[in-house]
C-alpha atoms as a PDB file:
ATOM      1  CA  ASP A   1     -56.701  -7.805 -16.336  1.00  0.00           C
ATOM      2  CA  LYS A   2     -57.846 -11.360 -17.176  1.00  0.00           C
ATOM      3  CA  ALA A   3     -58.234 -10.746 -20.930  1.00  0.00           C
ATOM      4  CA  ASP A   4     -54.760  -9.268 -21.218  1.00  0.00           C
ATOM      5  CA  ALA A   5     -53.342 -12.198 -19.171  1.00  0.00           C
ATOM      6  CA  GLN A   6     -54.980 -14.709 -21.534  1.00  0.00           C
ATOM      7  CA  ARG A   7     -53.656 -12.890 -24.566  1.00  0.00           C
ATOM      8  CA  ILE A   8     -50.097 -12.792 -23.277  1.00  0.00           C
ATOM      9  CA  ALA A   9     -50.325 -16.482 -22.331  1.00  0.00           C
ATOM     10  CA  LYS A  10     -51.540 -17.393 -25.796  1.00  0.00           C
ATOM     11  CA  ARG A  11     -48.657 -15.403 -27.381  1.00  0.00           C
ATOM     12  CA  LEU A  12     -46.178 -17.090 -25.063  1.00  0.00           C
ATOM     13  CA  LEU A  13     -47.489 -20.564 -25.959  1.00  0.00           C
ATOM     14  CA  SER A  14     -47.314 -19.792 -29.687  1.00  0.00           C
ATOM     15  CA  GLY A  15     -43.670 -18.677 -29.407  1.00  0.00           C
ATOM     16  CA  ASP A  16     -44.249 -15.011 -30.234  1.00  0.00           C
ATOM     17  CA  LEU A  17     -42.576 -13.770 -27.033  1.00  0.00           C
ATOM     18  CA  THR A  18     -38.777 -13.875 -26.799  1.00  0.00           C
ATOM     19  CA  VAL A  19     -36.578 -13.223 -23.809  1.00  0.00           C
ATOM     20  CA  SER A  20     -34.782  -9.945 -23.764  1.00  0.00           C
ATOM     21  CA  TYR A  21     -31.017 -10.123 -24.600  1.00  0.00           C
ATOM     22  CA  VAL A  22     -29.094  -9.874 -21.370  1.00  0.00           C
ATOM     23  CA  PRO A  23     -25.319 -10.217 -22.079  1.00  0.00           C
ATOM     24  CA  PRO A  24     -23.104 -12.232 -19.770  1.00  0.00           C
ATOM     25  CA  PRO A  25     -21.107 -10.405 -17.012  1.00  0.00           C
ATOM     26  CA  GLU A  26     -17.872 -10.239 -18.950  1.00  0.00           C
ATOM     27  CA  GLN A  27     -19.574  -8.596 -21.923  1.00  0.00           C
ATOM     28  CA  ARG A  28     -21.377  -6.189 -19.567  1.00  0.00           C
ATOM     29  CA  ASP A  29     -17.937  -5.029 -18.427  1.00  0.00           C
ATOM     30  CA  TRP A  30     -16.874  -4.526 -22.043  1.00  0.00           C
ATOM     31  CA  ARG A  31     -20.039  -2.355 -22.580  1.00  0.00           C
ATOM     32  CA  LEU A  32     -19.220  -0.339 -19.436  1.00  0.00           C
ATOM     33  CA  LEU A  33     -15.744   0.450 -20.737  1.00  0.00           C
ATOM     34  CA  SER A  34     -16.846   1.220 -24.335  1.00  0.00           C
ATOM     35  CA  ARG A  35     -19.815   3.406 -23.266  1.00  0.00           C
ATOM     36  CA  THR A  36     -17.636   5.267 -20.731  1.00  0.00           C
ATOM     37  CA  GLN A  37     -15.173   5.855 -23.581  1.00  0.00           C
ATOM     38  CA  VAL A  38     -17.926   7.415 -25.714  1.00  0.00           C
ATOM     39  CA  ALA A  39     -19.181   9.518 -22.838  1.00  0.00           C
ATOM     40  CA  MET A  40     -15.668  10.879 -22.188  1.00  0.00           C
ATOM     41  CA  HIS A  41     -15.136  11.698 -25.826  1.00  0.00           C
ATOM     42  CA  GLU A  42     -18.467  13.678 -25.748  1.00  0.00           C
ATOM     43  CA  SER A  43     -17.246  15.480 -22.626  1.00  0.00           C
ATOM     44  CA  VAL A  44     -14.046  16.618 -24.486  1.00  0.00           C
ATOM     45  CA  VAL A  45     -16.197  17.857 -27.389  1.00  0.00           C
ATOM     46  CA  ARG A  46     -18.441  19.784 -24.961  1.00  0.00           C
ATOM     47  CA  VAL A  47     -15.412  21.420 -23.209  1.00  0.00           C
ATOM     48  CA  ARG A  48     -13.864  22.236 -26.555  1.00  0.00           C
ATOM     49  CA  ASN A  49     -17.032  24.051 -27.581  1.00  0.00           C
ATOM     50  CA  GLN A  50     -16.949  25.962 -24.269  1.00  0.00           C
ATOM     51  CA  VAL A  51     -13.345  27.014 -25.055  1.00  0.00           C
ATOM     52  CA  GLU A  52     -14.456  28.313 -28.474  1.00  0.00           C
ATOM     53  CA  VAL A  53     -17.222  30.349 -26.877  1.00  0.00           C
ATOM     54  CA  LEU A  54     -14.793  31.773 -24.346  1.00  0.00           C
ATOM     55  CA  LEU A  55     -12.382  32.807 -27.153  1.00  0.00           C
ATOM     56  CA  GLU A  56     -15.161  34.375 -29.159  1.00  0.00           C
ATOM     57  CA  GLN A  57     -16.103  36.490 -26.142  1.00  0.00           C
ATOM     58  CA  ALA A  58     -12.526  37.721 -25.979  1.00  0.00           C
ATOM     59  CA  GLN A  59     -12.606  38.485 -29.808  1.00  0.00           C
ATOM     60  CA  ILE A  60     -10.042  35.773 -30.561  1.00  0.00           C
ATOM     61  CA  LYS A  61     -11.086  33.978 -33.810  1.00  0.00           C
ATOM     62  CA  LEU A  62      -8.682  31.046 -33.480  1.00  0.00           C
ATOM     63  CA  SER A  63     -11.149  28.456 -34.794  1.00  0.00           C
ATOM     64  CA  SER A  64     -11.562  30.381 -38.092  1.00  0.00           C
ATOM     65  CA  VAL A  65      -7.911  29.815 -39.007  1.00  0.00           C
ATOM     66  CA  VAL A  66      -7.034  26.599 -37.147  1.00  0.00           C
ATOM     67  CA  THR A  67      -9.079  23.452 -37.869  1.00  0.00           C
ATOM     68  CA  ASP A  68      -8.442  21.840 -34.528  1.00  0.00           C
ATOM     69  CA  ILE A  69      -7.854  24.297 -31.700  1.00  0.00           C
ATOM     70  CA  LEU A  70      -6.801  21.393 -29.428  1.00  0.00           C
ATOM     71  CA  GLY A  71      -4.182  20.245 -31.981  1.00  0.00           C
ATOM     72  CA  LYS A  72      -0.456  20.860 -31.387  1.00  0.00           C
ATOM     73  CA  SER A  73      -0.464  24.352 -32.792  1.00  0.00           C
ATOM     74  CA  GLY A  74      -3.700  25.410 -31.247  1.00  0.00           C
ATOM     75  CA  ARG A  75      -2.739  24.010 -27.910  1.00  0.00           C
ATOM     76  CA  ARG A  76       0.595  25.929 -27.844  1.00  0.00           C
ATOM     77  CA  MET A  77      -1.325  29.146 -28.516  1.00  0.00           C
ATOM     78  CA  LEU A  78      -3.878  28.425 -25.780  1.00  0.00           C
ATOM     79  CA  ASP A  79      -1.217  27.554 -23.281  1.00  0.00           C
ATOM     80  CA  ALA A  80       0.542  30.805 -24.122  1.00  0.00           C
ATOM     81  CA  LEU A  81      -2.712  32.728 -23.635  1.00  0.00           C
ATOM     82  CA  VAL A  82      -3.079  31.133 -20.180  1.00  0.00           C
ATOM     83  CA  ARG A  83       0.461  32.222 -19.333  1.00  0.00           C
ATOM     84  CA  GLY A  84      -0.418  35.850 -20.129  1.00  0.00           C
ATOM     85  CA  ILE A  85       1.155  36.248 -23.542  1.00  0.00           C
ATOM     86  CA  SER A  86      -1.122  38.535 -25.597  1.00  0.00           C
ATOM     87  CA  ASP A  87       1.024  39.765 -28.441  1.00  0.00           C
ATOM     88  CA  PRO A  88      -0.659  38.498 -31.655  1.00  0.00           C
ATOM     89  CA  VAL A  89       2.679  38.255 -33.592  1.00  0.00           C
ATOM     90  CA  GLU A  90       4.284  36.218 -30.889  1.00  0.00           C
ATOM     91  CA  LEU A  91       1.315  33.900 -30.679  1.00  0.00           C
ATOM     92  CA  ALA A  92       1.217  33.528 -34.500  1.00  0.00           C
ATOM     93  CA  ARG A  93       4.852  32.288 -34.462  1.00  0.00           C
ATOM     94  CA  MET A  94       3.740  29.231 -32.413  1.00  0.00           C
ATOM     95  CA  GLY A  95       1.706  28.003 -35.376  1.00  0.00           C
ATOM     96  CA  ASP A  96       3.086  25.049 -37.347  1.00  0.00           C
ATOM     97  CA  ARG A  97       4.366  25.805 -40.831  1.00  0.00           C
ATOM     98  CA  ARG A  98       1.827  23.204 -42.151  1.00  0.00           C
ATOM     99  CA  LEU A  99      -1.137  25.364 -41.173  1.00  0.00           C
ATOM    100  CA  HIS A 100      -3.006  26.720 -44.177  1.00  0.00           C
ATOM    101  CA  ALA A 101      -3.284  30.076 -42.552  1.00  0.00           C
ATOM    102  CA  SER A 102      -0.469  32.596 -43.003  1.00  0.00           C
ATOM    103  CA  LYS A 103       1.264  34.299 -40.065  1.00  0.00           C
ATOM    104  CA  GLU A 104      -0.579  37.478 -40.878  1.00  0.00           C
ATOM    105  CA  GLN A 105      -3.922  35.740 -40.777  1.00  0.00           C
ATOM    106  CA  LEU A 106      -3.002  34.076 -37.473  1.00  0.00           C
ATOM    107  CA  ALA A 107      -1.994  37.372 -35.983  1.00  0.00           C
ATOM    108  CA  ASP A 108      -5.212  39.013 -37.119  1.00  0.00           C
ATOM    109  CA  ALA A 109      -7.306  36.123 -35.606  1.00  0.00           C
ATOM    110  CA  LEU A 110      -5.381  36.366 -32.309  1.00  0.00           C
ATOM    111  CA  SER A 111      -5.605  40.128 -31.889  1.00  0.00           C
ATOM    112  CA  GLY A 112      -8.262  39.904 -29.099  1.00  0.00           C
ATOM    113  CA  GLN A 113      -7.529  40.267 -25.387  1.00  0.00           C
ATOM    114  CA  LEU A 114      -8.493  37.887 -22.542  1.00  0.00           C
ATOM    115  CA  THR A 115      -9.520  39.314 -19.235  1.00  0.00           C
ATOM    116  CA  GLU A 116      -8.098  37.866 -16.086  1.00  0.00           C
ATOM    117  CA  ALA A 117     -11.294  36.017 -15.342  1.00  0.00           C
ATOM    118  CA  GLN A 118     -11.334  34.547 -18.912  1.00  0.00           C
ATOM    119  CA  ARG A 119      -7.772  33.462 -18.530  1.00  0.00           C
ATOM    120  CA  ILE A 120      -8.583  31.667 -15.296  1.00  0.00           C
ATOM    121  CA  VAL A 121     -11.518  29.845 -16.812  1.00  0.00           C
ATOM    122  CA  LEU A 122      -9.525  28.920 -20.010  1.00  0.00           C
ATOM    123  CA  LYS A 123      -6.882  27.414 -17.722  1.00  0.00           C
ATOM    124  CA  LEU A 124      -9.543  25.371 -15.889  1.00  0.00           C
ATOM    125  CA  TYR A 125     -10.972  24.194 -19.222  1.00  0.00           C
ATOM    126  CA  LEU A 126      -7.589  23.072 -20.531  1.00  0.00           C
ATOM    127  CA  GLU A 127      -6.831  21.197 -17.305  1.00  0.00           C
ATOM    128  CA  GLN A 128     -10.210  19.483 -17.592  1.00  0.00           C
ATOM    129  CA  ILE A 129      -9.455  18.380 -21.108  1.00  0.00           C
ATOM    130  CA  ASP A 130      -6.035  17.004 -20.037  1.00  0.00           C
ATOM    131  CA  LEU A 131      -7.665  15.032 -17.215  1.00  0.00           C
ATOM    132  CA  ILE A 132     -10.401  13.567 -19.476  1.00  0.00           C
ATOM    133  CA  GLU A 133      -7.833  12.595 -22.109  1.00  0.00           C
ATOM    134  CA  ARG A 134      -5.653  10.765 -19.481  1.00  0.00           C
ATOM    135  CA  HIS A 135      -8.771   8.892 -18.335  1.00  0.00           C
ATOM    136  CA  MET A 136      -9.611   8.086 -21.983  1.00  0.00           C
ATOM    137  CA  ALA A 137      -6.145   6.588 -22.535  1.00  0.00           C
ATOM    138  CA  GLU A 138      -6.582   4.426 -19.474  1.00  0.00           C
ATOM    139  CA  ILE A 139     -10.006   3.291 -20.642  1.00  0.00           C
ATOM    140  CA  ASP A 140      -8.574   2.481 -24.103  1.00  0.00           C
ATOM    141  CA  GLY A 141      -5.884   0.333 -22.573  1.00  0.00           C
ATOM    142  CA  SER A 142      -8.379  -1.523 -20.314  1.00  0.00           C
ATOM    143  CA  LEU A 143     -10.810  -2.186 -23.162  1.00  0.00           C
ATOM    144  CA  ALA A 144      -8.023  -3.426 -25.485  1.00  0.00           C
ATOM    145  CA  GLN A 145      -6.662  -5.727 -22.719  1.00  0.00           C
ATOM    146  CA  ALA A 146     -10.145  -7.137 -22.012  1.00  0.00           C
ATOM    147  CA  LEU A 147     -10.721  -7.927 -25.678  1.00  0.00           C
ATOM    148  CA  VAL A 148      -7.344  -9.593 -26.380  1.00  0.00           C
ATOM    149  CA  PRO A 149      -8.956 -13.154 -26.346  1.00  0.00           C
ATOM    150  CA  HIS A 150     -11.263 -11.997 -29.192  1.00  0.00           C
ATOM    151  CA  GLN A 151      -8.593 -10.124 -31.216  1.00  0.00           C
ATOM    152  CA  ASP A 152      -9.412 -12.301 -34.237  1.00  0.00           C
ATOM    153  CA  ALA A 153     -12.968 -11.069 -34.350  1.00  0.00           C
ATOM    154  CA  ILE A 154     -11.767  -7.434 -34.142  1.00  0.00           C
ATOM    155  CA  GLU A 155      -9.279  -7.965 -36.989  1.00  0.00           C
ATOM    156  CA  ARG A 156     -11.979  -9.459 -39.138  1.00  0.00           C
ATOM    157  CA  LEU A 157     -14.290  -6.472 -38.497  1.00  0.00           C
ATOM    158  CA  CYS A 158     -11.460  -4.067 -39.365  1.00  0.00           C
ATOM    159  CA  ASP A 159     -11.453  -5.573 -42.886  1.00  0.00           C
ATOM    160  CA  ILE A 160     -14.852  -4.012 -43.477  1.00  0.00           C
ATOM    161  CA  PRO A 161     -14.539  -0.591 -45.077  1.00  0.00           C
ATOM    162  CA  GLY A 162     -15.386   2.135 -42.625  1.00  0.00           C
ATOM    163  CA  ILE A 163     -14.688   0.102 -39.501  1.00  0.00           C
ATOM    164  CA  GLY A 164     -11.555   0.828 -37.416  1.00  0.00           C
ATOM    165  CA  VAL A 165     -10.191  -0.726 -34.288  1.00  0.00           C
ATOM    166  CA  ARG A 166     -12.197   1.416 -31.828  1.00  0.00           C
ATOM    167  CA  THR A 167     -15.520   0.891 -33.675  1.00  0.00           C
ATOM    168  CA  ALA A 168     -14.791  -2.821 -33.896  1.00  0.00           C
ATOM    169  CA  GLN A 169     -14.265  -2.955 -30.202  1.00  0.00           C
ATOM    170  CA  HIS A 170     -17.598  -1.205 -29.609  1.00  0.00           C
ATOM    171  CA  ILE A 171     -19.445  -3.625 -31.961  1.00  0.00           C
ATOM    172  CA  VAL A 172     -17.994  -6.674 -30.187  1.00  0.00           C
ATOM    173  CA  ALA A 173     -18.838  -5.169 -26.800  1.00  0.00           C
ATOM    174  CA  GLU A 174     -22.541  -4.738 -27.889  1.00  0.00           C
ATOM    175  CA  THR A 175     -23.139  -7.950 -29.872  1.00  0.00           C
ATOM    176  CA  GLY A 176     -20.645 -10.384 -28.489  1.00  0.00           C
ATOM    177  CA  PRO A 177     -17.533 -11.750 -30.216  1.00  0.00           C
ATOM    178  CA  ARG A 178     -19.600 -14.223 -32.365  1.00  0.00           C
ATOM    179  CA  SER A 179     -23.040 -12.646 -32.265  1.00  0.00           C
ATOM    180  CA  GLU A 180     -24.416 -16.122 -31.563  1.00  0.00           C
ATOM    181  CA  VAL A 181     -27.499 -14.832 -29.704  1.00  0.00           C
ATOM    182  CA  PHE A 182     -28.967 -13.465 -32.988  1.00  0.00           C
ATOM    183  CA  GLU A 183     -30.104 -16.197 -35.293  1.00  0.00           C
ATOM    184  CA  SER A 184     -29.941 -14.073 -38.416  1.00  0.00           C
ATOM    185  CA  ALA A 185     -28.567 -10.782 -39.689  1.00  0.00           C
ATOM    186  CA  GLY A 186     -32.168  -9.426 -39.879  1.00  0.00           C
ATOM    187  CA  LYS A 187     -32.708 -10.148 -36.123  1.00  0.00           C
ATOM    188  CA  LEU A 188     -29.502  -8.279 -35.262  1.00  0.00           C
ATOM    189  CA  ALA A 189     -30.608  -5.328 -37.346  1.00  0.00           C
ATOM    190  CA  SER A 190     -34.046  -5.312 -35.784  1.00  0.00           C
ATOM    191  CA  TRP A 191     -32.550  -5.518 -32.234  1.00  0.00           C
ATOM    192  CA  ALA A 192     -30.305  -2.553 -33.064  1.00  0.00           C
ATOM    193  CA  GLY A 193     -33.320  -0.594 -34.439  1.00  0.00           C
ATOM    194  CA  MET A 194     -31.827  -0.345 -37.912  1.00  0.00           C
ATOM    195  CA  CYS A 195     -34.735  -1.831 -39.909  1.00  0.00           C
ATOM    196  CA  PRO A 196     -37.483   0.167 -41.677  1.00  0.00           C
ATOM    197  CA  GLY A 197     -40.576   0.291 -39.453  1.00  0.00           C
ATOM    198  CA  GLN A 198     -43.880  -1.206 -40.590  1.00  0.00           C
ATOM    199  CA  GLN A 199     -46.589   0.904 -39.001  1.00  0.00           C
ATOM    200  CA  GLU A 200     -49.833   0.258 -40.774  1.00  0.00           C
ATOM    201  CA  SER A 201     -53.488   1.012 -40.137  1.00  0.00           C
ATOM    202  CA  ALA A 202     -56.273  -0.503 -42.236  1.00  0.00           C
ATOM    203  CA  GLY A 203     -53.703  -1.710 -44.748  1.00  0.00           C
ATOM    204  CA  VAL A 204     -52.250   1.696 -45.246  1.00  0.00           C
ATOM    205  CA  SER A 205     -48.610   2.419 -44.325  1.00  0.00           C
ATOM    206  CA  VAL A 206     -48.590   5.131 -41.712  1.00  0.00           C
ATOM    207  CA  SER A 207     -44.753   5.409 -41.146  1.00  0.00           C
ATOM    208  CA  SER A 208     -41.586   3.503 -42.064  1.00  0.00           C
ATOM    209  CA  ARG A 209     -39.626   5.147 -39.282  1.00  0.00           C
ATOM    210  CA  SER A 210     -37.136   2.816 -37.628  1.00  0.00           C
ATOM    211  CA  ALA A 211     -38.006   1.638 -34.161  1.00  0.00           C
ATOM    212  CA  LYS A 212     -35.626   2.535 -31.167  1.00  0.00           C
ATOM    213  CA  GLY A 213     -33.047  -0.055 -30.544  1.00  0.00           C
ATOM    214  CA  ASN A 214     -29.546  -0.293 -29.092  1.00  0.00           C
ATOM    215  CA  TRP A 215     -28.390   3.311 -29.145  1.00  0.00           C
ATOM    216  CA  MET A 216     -24.661   2.485 -28.971  1.00  0.00           C
ATOM    217  CA  LEU A 217     -24.761   0.179 -31.987  1.00  0.00           C
ATOM    218  CA  ARG A 218     -26.915   2.602 -34.000  1.00  0.00           C
ATOM    219  CA  ARG A 219     -24.506   5.440 -33.245  1.00  0.00           C
ATOM    220  CA  THR A 220     -21.459   3.336 -34.136  1.00  0.00           C
ATOM    221  CA  LEU A 221     -22.912   1.979 -37.397  1.00  0.00           C
ATOM    222  CA  CYS A 222     -24.077   5.456 -38.531  1.00  0.00           C
ATOM    223  CA  GLN A 223     -20.544   6.665 -38.193  1.00  0.00           C
ATOM    224  CA  THR A 224     -18.997   3.678 -40.008  1.00  0.00           C
ATOM    225  CA  ALA A 225     -21.615   4.001 -42.773  1.00  0.00           C
ATOM    226  CA  TRP A 226     -20.370   7.519 -43.635  1.00  0.00           C
ATOM    227  CA  ALA A 227     -16.792   6.326 -43.484  1.00  0.00           C
ATOM    228  CA  ALA A 228     -17.552   3.432 -45.774  1.00  0.00           C
ATOM    229  CA  ILE A 229     -19.330   5.812 -48.191  1.00  0.00           C
ATOM    230  CA  ALA A 230     -16.169   7.932 -48.314  1.00  0.00           C
ATOM    231  CA  THR A 231     -13.975   4.868 -49.090  1.00  0.00           C
ATOM    232  CA  LYS A 232     -13.186   4.891 -52.775  1.00  0.00           C
ATOM    233  CA  GLY A 233     -14.183   1.765 -54.639  1.00  0.00           C
ATOM    234  CA  SER A 234     -16.034   0.183 -51.794  1.00  0.00           C
ATOM    235  CA  GLU A 235     -19.289  -1.659 -52.228  1.00  0.00           C
ATOM    236  CA  ALA A 236     -20.907   0.712 -49.705  1.00  0.00           C
ATOM    237  CA  GLN A 237     -19.987   3.693 -51.879  1.00  0.00           C
ATOM    238  CA  ARG A 238     -21.341   2.012 -55.024  1.00  0.00           C
ATOM    239  CA  ARG A 239     -24.634   1.183 -53.334  1.00  0.00           C
ATOM    240  CA  PHE A 240     -24.947   4.700 -51.832  1.00  0.00           C
ATOM    241  CA  HIS A 241     -24.573   6.376 -55.265  1.00  0.00           C
ATOM    242  CA  ARG A 242     -27.163   3.946 -56.661  1.00  0.00           C
ATOM    243  CA  TRP A 243     -29.674   4.513 -53.875  1.00  0.00           C
ATOM    244  CA  ARG A 244     -29.289   8.244 -53.342  1.00  0.00           C
ATOM    245  CA  PRO A 245     -31.309   9.523 -56.341  1.00  0.00           C
ATOM    246  CA  ARG A 246     -34.261   7.445 -55.171  1.00  0.00           C
ATOM    247  CA  LEU A 247     -34.049   7.739 -51.391  1.00  0.00           C
ATOM    248  CA  GLY A 248     -32.174  10.965 -50.757  1.00  0.00           C
ATOM    249  CA  THR A 249     -28.815  11.413 -48.997  1.00  0.00           C
ATOM    250  CA  GLN A 250     -29.912  10.691 -45.378  1.00  0.00           C
ATOM    251  CA  LYS A 251     -32.030   7.650 -46.191  1.00  0.00           C
ATOM    252  CA  ALA A 252     -29.450   6.173 -48.493  1.00  0.00           C
ATOM    253  CA  ALA A 253     -26.727   6.550 -45.738  1.00  0.00           C
ATOM    254  CA  TRP A 254     -29.142   4.829 -43.307  1.00  0.00           C
ATOM    255  CA  ALA A 255     -29.619   1.986 -45.771  1.00  0.00           C
ATOM    256  CA  ILE A 256     -25.814   1.645 -45.966  1.00  0.00           C
ATOM    257  CA  ALA A 257     -25.768   1.348 -42.137  1.00  0.00           C
ATOM    258  CA  HIS A 258     -28.386  -1.426 -42.370  1.00  0.00           C
ATOM    259  CA  TYR A 259     -26.267  -3.102 -45.057  1.00  0.00           C
ATOM    260  CA  GLN A 260     -23.155  -2.900 -42.898  1.00  0.00           C
ATOM    261  CA  ILE A 261     -24.806  -4.413 -39.811  1.00  0.00           C
ATOM    262  CA  ARG A 262     -25.778  -7.413 -41.903  1.00  0.00           C
ATOM    263  CA  ILE A 263     -22.226  -7.730 -42.991  1.00  0.00           C
ATOM    264  CA  VAL A 264     -21.058  -7.403 -39.391  1.00  0.00           C
ATOM    265  CA  TRP A 265     -23.322 -10.313 -38.422  1.00  0.00           C
ATOM    266  CA  LYS A 266     -22.057 -12.500 -41.224  1.00  0.00           C
ATOM    267  CA  VAL A 267     -18.395 -11.773 -40.298  1.00  0.00           C
ATOM    268  CA  LEU A 268     -18.877 -12.457 -36.613  1.00  0.00           C
ATOM    269  CA  HIS A 269     -21.375 -15.357 -36.841  1.00  0.00           C
ATOM    270  CA  ASP A 270     -19.838 -17.311 -39.664  1.00  0.00           C
END
């Protein structure tokens, strides 16, 4: 209505309204590749969980003795199950000697029996995982090739504890190679939704919950925060141990993610 229009016009004239960040076409292509990469990784995790459920239905407890059922040892056993091999001792011999489980433990975990229908479905699941992983490798190569001109920014980000090549690529795809759109580290953190909220009513704080922001950047920085906390001797680890008694584990880790995104802005912008 007219009153709302006047209020919005006054805020516009006073400089309170800012234009939404719309990245250039080249960066939108980077985002498409990186977000597709994440979606494919989530698809592999989903199918992996379906494989575990199928094995549990067949009384095969492979995940209890093998950390990664899609690793080399686990995959050899799954492929053998698809081919119709059901002897637990023979399947146990396919395990790598570096597995923590003994041959007897492997044989005991593999003592179940797949029905013909379960074997068909397991074969389809494994083929689906192979297809997604081939697509992921293609996406990885395309994203790396697209970001070759900005390799220097990626290398600088990789010097930050907890950040690897893939996460550095995702950060550059979301913020740009120099993060020049954001005037300060605080504005980048606010845009990503990684600042404490300030919801007040009558001078009383109602909630300090962070606002919603760029989901991709939030997801990436949350993962790198935990990796930085696990890095011995890092500044992130030192701050985490100092903040955890007062804030608790989850809030302290979230504070580390906020700390990291400010470091990211500094590294890219300056």
